[in-house]
Structure formats: C-alpha cells, structure tokens
Amino acid sequence: MSTGPAPTRAWVALGSNLGDRAARLAAARTALARLPDTVLLGASQVEETAPLGGRPQPPYLNQMVLLETALAPRALLAELHRIEAAAGRVRRERWASRTLDLDLVRYGDVHAAEPDLTLPHPGLAERDFWRREMEELTPYVR
C-alpha cells in the first residue's frame, strides 16, 4: 500500500558568492539531505564561476545535487526558499550577490511554465556549468 507520491529525481543548483561560500554550500547540502521524504543521492564537485547578469560582484561557488524526493515541486521550492532564508538570503534585486542561491533545475520529466515556477529551469540552456555538473551526476540516475 502506497503512503504518498512516488519519489522523483530533482536536480538542485547551489550557489554562493558572499561570506564563507564553501561552508554555505556544505550547510545547504546537509539541509537538503534532511528534508522530509527526500534522499540526497549525489553531489557534483564544487566549482568557481563568474557571476551572471553583468553586475560587478565576487565569483560564485557552484554545485549541483541530485535528490530523490516525494515532495511535490512547489513544496520542494518552498523548502529551498526556507533554506536560503536560514542562510541569510534576502530577495531584493535580480542578479545581486547572495549568501545562498538554490535553484530547482529539473524535477523528473515535469514541465511547468508558471510565474514563480518554470521547469526545467530556463537558465539550464545557457549555463554550461549546470550541464557539466548534471553530467557528473549521471552515475546516480537509474
């Protein structure tokens, strides 16, 4: 007898360019692994990238993780925002520096085009580092 929705693979991009960036990514991985009905299957290597959006700001540390979760996309996105806020993230300006940025990049084969949720993430096509990091996680995809 099933107790809830079947688990789905979700790719989440982590980024930080303020403070102790590596510690923020590590704390985010821990928080993601502790989400209800969620298992962290794997994490790509951390890499440093130039900021996007054309604003002068420090470089980012980025990483991709693969989750298996029974959380629905909106519930997972709400958890990502909660983890960001706990890390001091304040959403004011687009492309601004951030203590922590968690993007829901893919959620299984779900396609969505809503004002606050687009899947796959529209940045996937233009962010080579995301695609590289996702490729690293291929061994964790059954």
N, C-alpha and C. Protein backbone atom coordinates (compact mmCIF):
# COMPACT_ATOMS: atom_id res chain seq x y z
N MET A 1 0.84 -1.19 0.00
CA MET A 1 0.00 0.00 0.00
C MET A 1 0.88 1.24 0.00
N SER A 2 0.65 2.15 -0.94
CA SER A 2 1.45 3.36 -1.08
C SER A 2 1.02 4.40 -0.04
N THR A 3 2.01 5.09 0.52
CA THR A 3 1.72 6.11 1.53
C THR A 3 1.78 7.53 0.97
N GLY A 4 2.22 7.69 -0.24
CA GLY A 4 2.32 9.03 -0.82
C GLY A 4 2.79 8.94 -2.26
N PRO A 5 3.12 10.10 -2.84
CA PRO A 5 3.56 10.10 -4.23
C PRO A 5 4.88 9.35 -4.39
N ALA A 6 5.07 8.80 -5.57
CA ALA A 6 6.32 8.09 -5.86
C ALA A 6 7.47 9.09 -5.86
N PRO A 7 8.62 8.69 -5.36
CA PRO A 7 9.77 9.60 -5.36
C PRO A 7 10.18 9.98 -6.78
N THR A 8 10.63 11.20 -6.92
CA THR A 8 11.05 11.76 -8.20
C THR A 8 12.46 12.29 -8.06
N ARG A 9 13.22 12.23 -9.13
CA ARG A 9 14.57 12.79 -9.14
C ARG A 9 14.47 14.30 -9.38
N ALA A 10 15.17 15.05 -8.56
CA ALA A 10 15.19 16.52 -8.70
C ALA A 10 16.63 16.99 -8.65
N TRP A 11 16.99 17.86 -9.57
CA TRP A 11 18.31 18.45 -9.61
C TRP A 11 18.22 19.86 -9.04
N VAL A 12 19.06 20.16 -8.07
CA VAL A 12 19.07 21.46 -7.41
C VAL A 12 20.46 22.06 -7.54
N ALA A 13 20.52 23.29 -8.05
CA ALA A 13 21.79 24.01 -8.17
C ALA A 13 22.01 24.84 -6.91
N LEU A 14 23.23 24.77 -6.38
CA LEU A 14 23.62 25.54 -5.20
C LEU A 14 24.63 26.58 -5.63
N GLY A 15 24.51 27.78 -5.10
CA GLY A 15 25.49 28.82 -5.40
C GLY A 15 25.62 29.79 -4.24
N SER A 16 26.82 30.35 -4.10
CA SER A 16 27.07 31.34 -3.06
C SER A 16 28.24 32.20 -3.49
N ASN A 17 28.11 33.52 -3.25
CA ASN A 17 29.26 34.39 -3.52
C ASN A 17 29.51 35.39 -2.39
N LEU A 18 28.96 35.13 -1.22
CA LEU A 18 29.18 36.00 -0.06
C LEU A 18 29.59 35.17 1.15
N GLY A 19 30.52 35.69 1.93
CA GLY A 19 30.92 35.02 3.16
C GLY A 19 31.72 33.76 2.88
N ASP A 20 31.62 32.79 3.77
CA ASP A 20 32.31 31.51 3.63
C ASP A 20 31.49 30.65 2.67
N ARG A 21 31.77 30.82 1.40
CA ARG A 21 30.97 30.17 0.35
C ARG A 21 30.94 28.65 0.48
N ALA A 22 32.09 28.05 0.74
CA ALA A 22 32.16 26.59 0.83
C ALA A 22 31.33 26.09 2.02
N ALA A 23 31.40 26.79 3.14
CA ALA A 23 30.61 26.39 4.31
C ALA A 23 29.12 26.54 4.04
N ARG A 24 28.74 27.56 3.30
CA ARG A 24 27.32 27.74 2.97
C ARG A 24 26.81 26.60 2.08
N LEU A 25 27.63 26.17 1.12
CA LEU A 25 27.23 25.05 0.27
C LEU A 25 27.13 23.77 1.09
N ALA A 26 28.09 23.56 1.98
CA ALA A 26 28.06 22.36 2.83
C ALA A 26 26.81 22.36 3.71
N ALA A 27 26.48 23.49 4.31
CA ALA A 27 25.29 23.58 5.15
C ALA A 27 24.03 23.34 4.32
N ALA A 28 24.01 23.84 3.10
CA ALA A 28 22.85 23.63 2.23
C ALA A 28 22.70 22.15 1.88
N ARG A 29 23.80 21.47 1.60
CA ARG A 29 23.72 20.03 1.31
C ARG A 29 23.15 19.28 2.51
N THR A 30 23.60 19.63 3.69
CA THR A 30 23.09 18.99 4.90
C THR A 30 21.60 19.25 5.05
N ALA A 31 21.18 20.49 4.85
CA ALA A 31 19.76 20.84 4.98
C ALA A 31 18.92 20.11 3.93
N LEU A 32 19.43 20.00 2.72
CA LEU A 32 18.69 19.28 1.68
C LEU A 32 18.56 17.80 2.02
N ALA A 33 19.61 17.21 2.55
CA ALA A 33 19.58 15.79 2.92
C ALA A 33 18.61 15.52 4.06
N ARG A 34 18.28 16.54 4.83
CA ARG A 34 17.37 16.38 5.97
C ARG A 34 15.91 16.69 5.63
N LEU A 35 15.64 17.07 4.39
CA LEU A 35 14.25 17.36 4.02
C LEU A 35 13.40 16.11 4.17
N PRO A 36 12.12 16.28 4.54
CA PRO A 36 11.25 15.10 4.67
C PRO A 36 11.06 14.40 3.33
N ASP A 37 10.95 13.09 3.40
CA ASP A 37 10.70 12.27 2.21
C ASP A 37 11.70 12.53 1.09
N THR A 38 12.95 12.81 1.47
CA THR A 38 13.97 13.18 0.50
C THR A 38 15.29 12.50 0.84
N VAL A 39 15.99 12.04 -0.20
CA VAL A 39 17.33 11.47 -0.06
C VAL A 39 18.25 12.22 -1.00
N LEU A 40 19.41 12.63 -0.51
CA LEU A 40 20.43 13.25 -1.37
C LEU A 40 21.22 12.10 -1.99
N LEU A 41 21.09 11.93 -3.30
CA LEU A 41 21.73 10.81 -3.99
C LEU A 41 23.17 11.10 -4.37
N GLY A 42 23.48 12.35 -4.68
CA GLY A 42 24.83 12.68 -5.09
C GLY A 42 25.02 14.16 -5.24
N ALA A 43 26.29 14.56 -5.28
CA ALA A 43 26.66 15.97 -5.44
C ALA A 43 27.84 16.07 -6.39
N SER A 44 27.78 17.05 -7.28
CA SER A 44 28.89 17.28 -8.19
C SER A 44 30.04 17.92 -7.42
N GLN A 45 31.16 18.05 -8.07
CA GLN A 45 32.26 18.81 -7.49
C GLN A 45 31.84 20.27 -7.41
N VAL A 46 32.45 21.00 -6.50
CA VAL A 46 32.21 22.44 -6.38
C VAL A 46 33.12 23.13 -7.38
N GLU A 47 32.59 24.13 -8.08
CA GLU A 47 33.42 24.90 -9.00
C GLU A 47 33.15 26.38 -8.85
N GLU A 48 34.16 27.17 -9.13
CA GLU A 48 34.03 28.63 -9.04
C GLU A 48 33.69 29.16 -10.43
N THR A 49 32.70 30.05 -10.48
CA THR A 49 32.27 30.63 -11.76
C THR A 49 32.12 32.14 -11.62
N ALA A 50 32.20 32.79 -12.76
CA ALA A 50 31.98 34.24 -12.80
C ALA A 50 30.49 34.52 -12.56
N PRO A 51 30.18 35.65 -11.94
CA PRO A 51 28.77 35.98 -11.72
C PRO A 51 28.05 36.25 -13.05
N LEU A 52 26.76 35.96 -13.06
CA LEU A 52 25.93 36.23 -14.23
C LEU A 52 25.23 37.57 -14.04
N GLY A 53 24.74 38.13 -15.11
CA GLY A 53 23.92 39.32 -15.01
C GLY A 53 24.67 40.64 -15.19
N GLY A 54 25.98 40.61 -15.30
CA GLY A 54 26.73 41.81 -15.62
C GLY A 54 27.05 42.75 -14.47
N ARG A 55 26.62 42.43 -13.24
CA ARG A 55 26.94 43.29 -12.09
C ARG A 55 28.33 42.95 -11.56
N PRO A 56 29.08 43.98 -11.16
CA PRO A 56 30.37 43.68 -10.52
C PRO A 56 30.11 43.07 -9.13
N GLN A 57 30.63 41.87 -8.92
CA GLN A 57 30.45 41.17 -7.66
C GLN A 57 31.45 40.03 -7.59
N PRO A 58 31.63 39.45 -6.41
CA PRO A 58 32.58 38.35 -6.26
C PRO A 58 32.14 37.11 -7.05
N PRO A 59 33.10 36.23 -7.36
CA PRO A 59 32.76 34.99 -8.06
C PRO A 59 31.93 34.06 -7.16
N TYR A 60 31.24 33.16 -7.79
CA TYR A 60 30.39 32.18 -7.10
C TYR A 60 31.10 30.85 -6.95
N LEU A 61 30.76 30.14 -5.90
CA LEU A 61 30.99 28.70 -5.84
C LEU A 61 29.67 28.06 -6.20
N ASN A 62 29.71 27.08 -7.09
CA ASN A 62 28.50 26.40 -7.56
C ASN A 62 28.65 24.91 -7.45
N GLN A 63 27.51 24.26 -7.33
CA GLN A 63 27.46 22.81 -7.24
C GLN A 63 26.04 22.36 -7.58
N MET A 64 25.92 21.16 -8.09
CA MET A 64 24.62 20.57 -8.39
C MET A 64 24.44 19.34 -7.51
N VAL A 65 23.25 19.17 -6.95
CA VAL A 65 22.94 17.95 -6.21
C VAL A 65 21.74 17.27 -6.86
N LEU A 66 21.70 15.97 -6.68
CA LEU A 66 20.58 15.17 -7.17
C LEU A 66 19.85 14.62 -5.96
N LEU A 67 18.57 14.91 -5.90
CA LEU A 67 17.72 14.43 -4.81
C LEU A 67 16.73 13.41 -5.36
N GLU A 68 16.31 12.52 -4.49
CA GLU A 68 15.14 11.69 -4.76
C GLU A 68 14.13 12.12 -3.71
N THR A 69 13.00 12.63 -4.15
CA THR A 69 12.06 13.23 -3.21
C THR A 69 10.61 12.90 -3.55
N ALA A 70 9.82 12.79 -2.51
CA ALA A 70 8.38 12.64 -2.68
C ALA A 70 7.68 14.00 -2.52
N LEU A 71 8.46 15.05 -2.23
CA LEU A 71 7.88 16.39 -2.15
C LEU A 71 7.46 16.84 -3.55
N ALA A 72 6.31 17.45 -3.67
CA ALA A 72 5.87 18.00 -4.95
C ALA A 72 6.76 19.18 -5.32
N PRO A 73 6.81 19.56 -6.59
CA PRO A 73 7.71 20.65 -7.00
C PRO A 73 7.53 21.93 -6.18
N ARG A 74 6.30 22.37 -5.96
CA ARG A 74 6.07 23.60 -5.19
C ARG A 74 6.51 23.45 -3.74
N ALA A 75 6.28 22.28 -3.16
CA ALA A 75 6.71 22.04 -1.77
C ALA A 75 8.23 22.04 -1.69
N LEU A 76 8.89 21.44 -2.67
CA LEU A 76 10.35 21.43 -2.70
C LEU A 76 10.88 22.85 -2.87
N LEU A 77 10.27 23.62 -3.77
CA LEU A 77 10.70 25.00 -3.97
C LEU A 77 10.54 25.82 -2.69
N ALA A 78 9.46 25.61 -1.97
CA ALA A 78 9.25 26.32 -0.70
C ALA A 78 10.35 25.95 0.30
N GLU A 79 10.75 24.69 0.32
CA GLU A 79 11.83 24.26 1.21
C GLU A 79 13.16 24.90 0.79
N LEU A 80 13.40 25.00 -0.50
CA LEU A 80 14.63 25.65 -0.98
C LEU A 80 14.66 27.10 -0.52
N HIS A 81 13.55 27.79 -0.63
CA HIS A 81 13.49 29.19 -0.19
C HIS A 81 13.68 29.31 1.32
N ARG A 82 13.16 28.35 2.07
CA ARG A 82 13.33 28.35 3.52
C ARG A 82 14.81 28.17 3.89
N ILE A 83 15.49 27.27 3.19
CA ILE A 83 16.92 27.03 3.45
C ILE A 83 17.73 28.28 3.09
N GLU A 84 17.40 28.91 1.97
CA GLU A 84 18.07 30.16 1.59
C GLU A 84 17.90 31.23 2.67
N ALA A 85 16.67 31.40 3.13
CA ALA A 85 16.39 32.42 4.15
C ALA A 85 17.17 32.14 5.43
N ALA A 86 17.27 30.86 5.80
CA ALA A 86 18.02 30.49 7.01
C ALA A 86 19.50 30.83 6.86
N ALA A 87 19.98 30.89 5.62
CA ALA A 87 21.37 31.23 5.35
C ALA A 87 21.56 32.74 5.14
N GLY A 88 20.51 33.52 5.40
CA GLY A 88 20.61 34.97 5.29
C GLY A 88 20.26 35.54 3.94
N ARG A 89 19.70 34.74 3.06
CA ARG A 89 19.33 35.23 1.72
C ARG A 89 18.14 36.17 1.83
N VAL A 90 18.28 37.33 1.23
CA VAL A 90 17.19 38.30 1.13
C VAL A 90 16.97 38.55 -0.36
N ARG A 91 15.74 38.35 -0.82
CA ARG A 91 15.43 38.54 -2.24
C ARG A 91 15.01 39.99 -2.48
N ARG A 92 15.94 40.75 -3.03
CA ARG A 92 15.65 42.16 -3.33
C ARG A 92 15.79 42.45 -4.81
N GLU A 93 16.99 42.18 -5.32
CA GLU A 93 17.27 42.52 -6.71
C GLU A 93 17.72 41.28 -7.47
N ARG A 94 17.28 41.19 -8.71
CA ARG A 94 17.73 40.09 -9.57
C ARG A 94 19.21 40.29 -9.88
N TRP A 95 19.94 39.21 -9.92
CA TRP A 95 21.37 39.16 -10.23
C TRP A 95 22.26 39.75 -9.14
N ALA A 96 21.71 40.05 -7.98
CA ALA A 96 22.52 40.59 -6.88
C ALA A 96 23.31 39.46 -6.22
N SER A 97 24.37 39.83 -5.50
CA SER A 97 25.14 38.86 -4.73
C SER A 97 24.21 38.18 -3.73
N ARG A 98 24.58 36.96 -3.33
CA ARG A 98 23.74 36.23 -2.39
C ARG A 98 24.55 35.28 -1.52
N THR A 99 24.08 35.17 -0.31
CA THR A 99 24.70 34.24 0.62
C THR A 99 24.49 32.81 0.14
N LEU A 100 23.28 32.54 -0.37
CA LEU A 100 22.95 31.21 -0.87
C LEU A 100 21.85 31.32 -1.90
N ASP A 101 22.05 30.58 -2.98
CA ASP A 101 21.06 30.52 -4.05
C ASP A 101 20.80 29.04 -4.32
N LEU A 102 19.55 28.62 -4.21
CA LEU A 102 19.16 27.25 -4.51
C LEU A 102 18.12 27.29 -5.62
N ASP A 103 18.45 26.72 -6.75
CA ASP A 103 17.55 26.70 -7.90
C ASP A 103 17.09 25.28 -8.19
N LEU A 104 15.79 25.11 -8.32
CA LEU A 104 15.23 23.84 -8.76
C LEU A 104 15.39 23.81 -10.29
N VAL A 105 16.34 23.01 -10.75
CA VAL A 105 16.71 23.00 -12.17
C VAL A 105 15.84 22.03 -12.96
N ARG A 106 15.65 20.83 -12.42
CA ARG A 106 14.79 19.84 -13.07
C ARG A 106 14.06 19.07 -11.98
N TYR A 107 12.88 18.64 -12.30
CA TYR A 107 12.08 17.80 -11.40
C TYR A 107 11.50 16.69 -12.25
N GLY A 108 12.22 15.57 -12.30
CA GLY A 108 11.80 14.47 -13.16
C GLY A 108 11.62 14.96 -14.59
N ASP A 109 10.52 14.56 -15.19
CA ASP A 109 10.20 15.00 -16.55
C ASP A 109 9.13 16.09 -16.55
N VAL A 110 8.91 16.71 -15.40
CA VAL A 110 7.87 17.73 -15.28
C VAL A 110 8.26 18.97 -16.08
N HIS A 111 7.28 19.48 -16.81
CA HIS A 111 7.41 20.77 -17.49
C HIS A 111 6.36 21.69 -16.90
N ALA A 112 6.79 22.88 -16.50
CA ALA A 112 5.87 23.86 -15.93
C ALA A 112 6.28 25.24 -16.41
N ALA A 113 5.31 26.08 -16.67
CA ALA A 113 5.57 27.46 -17.08
C ALA A 113 4.59 28.36 -16.33
N GLU A 114 4.91 28.59 -15.07
CA GLU A 114 4.08 29.43 -14.22
C GLU A 114 4.91 30.63 -13.78
N PRO A 115 4.28 31.70 -13.30
CA PRO A 115 5.05 32.91 -12.95
C PRO A 115 6.18 32.65 -11.94
N ASP A 116 5.98 31.76 -11.00
CA ASP A 116 7.01 31.54 -9.98
C ASP A 116 7.63 30.14 -10.02
N LEU A 117 7.34 29.38 -11.07
CA LEU A 117 7.93 28.05 -11.20
C LEU A 117 7.99 27.66 -12.67
N THR A 118 9.21 27.58 -13.19
CA THR A 118 9.42 27.13 -14.57
C THR A 118 10.33 25.92 -14.52
N LEU A 119 9.86 24.83 -15.11
CA LEU A 119 10.64 23.60 -15.16
C LEU A 119 10.65 23.05 -16.57
N PRO A 120 11.80 22.59 -17.04
CA PRO A 120 13.10 22.78 -16.44
C PRO A 120 13.43 24.27 -16.30
N HIS A 121 14.36 24.59 -15.41
CA HIS A 121 14.75 25.98 -15.16
C HIS A 121 15.22 26.61 -16.47
N PRO A 122 14.75 27.82 -16.79
CA PRO A 122 15.13 28.45 -18.06
C PRO A 122 16.63 28.71 -18.19
N GLY A 123 17.36 28.79 -17.09
CA GLY A 123 18.80 29.03 -17.16
C GLY A 123 19.60 27.82 -17.59
N LEU A 124 18.98 26.65 -17.63
CA LEU A 124 19.70 25.43 -17.96
C LEU A 124 20.32 25.51 -19.35
N ALA A 125 19.63 26.12 -20.30
CA ALA A 125 20.13 26.20 -21.66
C ALA A 125 21.38 27.06 -21.79
N GLU A 126 21.54 28.04 -20.90
CA GLU A 126 22.67 28.97 -21.04
C GLU A 126 23.78 28.80 -20.01
N ARG A 127 23.61 27.91 -19.08
CA ARG A 127 24.62 27.73 -18.02
C ARG A 127 25.37 26.43 -18.23
N ASP A 128 26.50 26.54 -18.93
CA ASP A 128 27.31 25.36 -19.21
C ASP A 128 27.71 24.64 -17.93
N PHE A 129 28.01 25.40 -16.87
CA PHE A 129 28.47 24.76 -15.63
C PHE A 129 27.36 23.89 -15.04
N TRP A 130 26.09 24.28 -15.18
CA TRP A 130 25.00 23.43 -14.69
C TRP A 130 24.97 22.12 -15.46
N ARG A 131 25.11 22.20 -16.77
CA ARG A 131 25.07 20.98 -17.58
C ARG A 131 26.26 20.07 -17.26
N ARG A 132 27.44 20.66 -17.05
CA ARG A 132 28.61 19.86 -16.65
C ARG A 132 28.36 19.17 -15.32
N GLU A 133 27.82 19.93 -14.37
CA GLU A 133 27.58 19.38 -13.04
C GLU A 133 26.51 18.29 -13.09
N MET A 134 25.49 18.47 -13.90
CA MET A 134 24.45 17.45 -14.04
C MET A 134 25.05 16.17 -14.66
N GLU A 135 25.93 16.35 -15.63
CA GLU A 135 26.58 15.21 -16.28
C GLU A 135 27.38 14.41 -15.25
N GLU A 136 28.01 15.10 -14.32
CA GLU A 136 28.75 14.43 -13.24
C GLU A 136 27.86 13.51 -12.43
N LEU A 137 26.58 13.86 -12.33
CA LEU A 137 25.65 13.10 -11.51
C LEU A 137 24.98 11.93 -12.26
N THR A 138 25.33 11.74 -13.52
CA THR A 138 24.75 10.66 -14.32
C THR A 138 24.85 9.29 -13.65
N PRO A 139 25.96 8.95 -12.97
CA PRO A 139 26.02 7.63 -12.33
C PRO A 139 24.93 7.40 -11.27
N TYR A 140 24.34 8.47 -10.75
CA TYR A 140 23.31 8.33 -9.71
C TYR A 140 21.90 8.21 -10.29
N VAL A 141 21.79 8.35 -11.60
CA VAL A 141 20.48 8.27 -12.25
C VAL A 141 20.27 6.84 -12.73
N ARG A 142 19.20 6.24 -12.26
CA ARG A 142 18.92 4.85 -12.67
C ARG A 142 18.24 4.82 -14.01
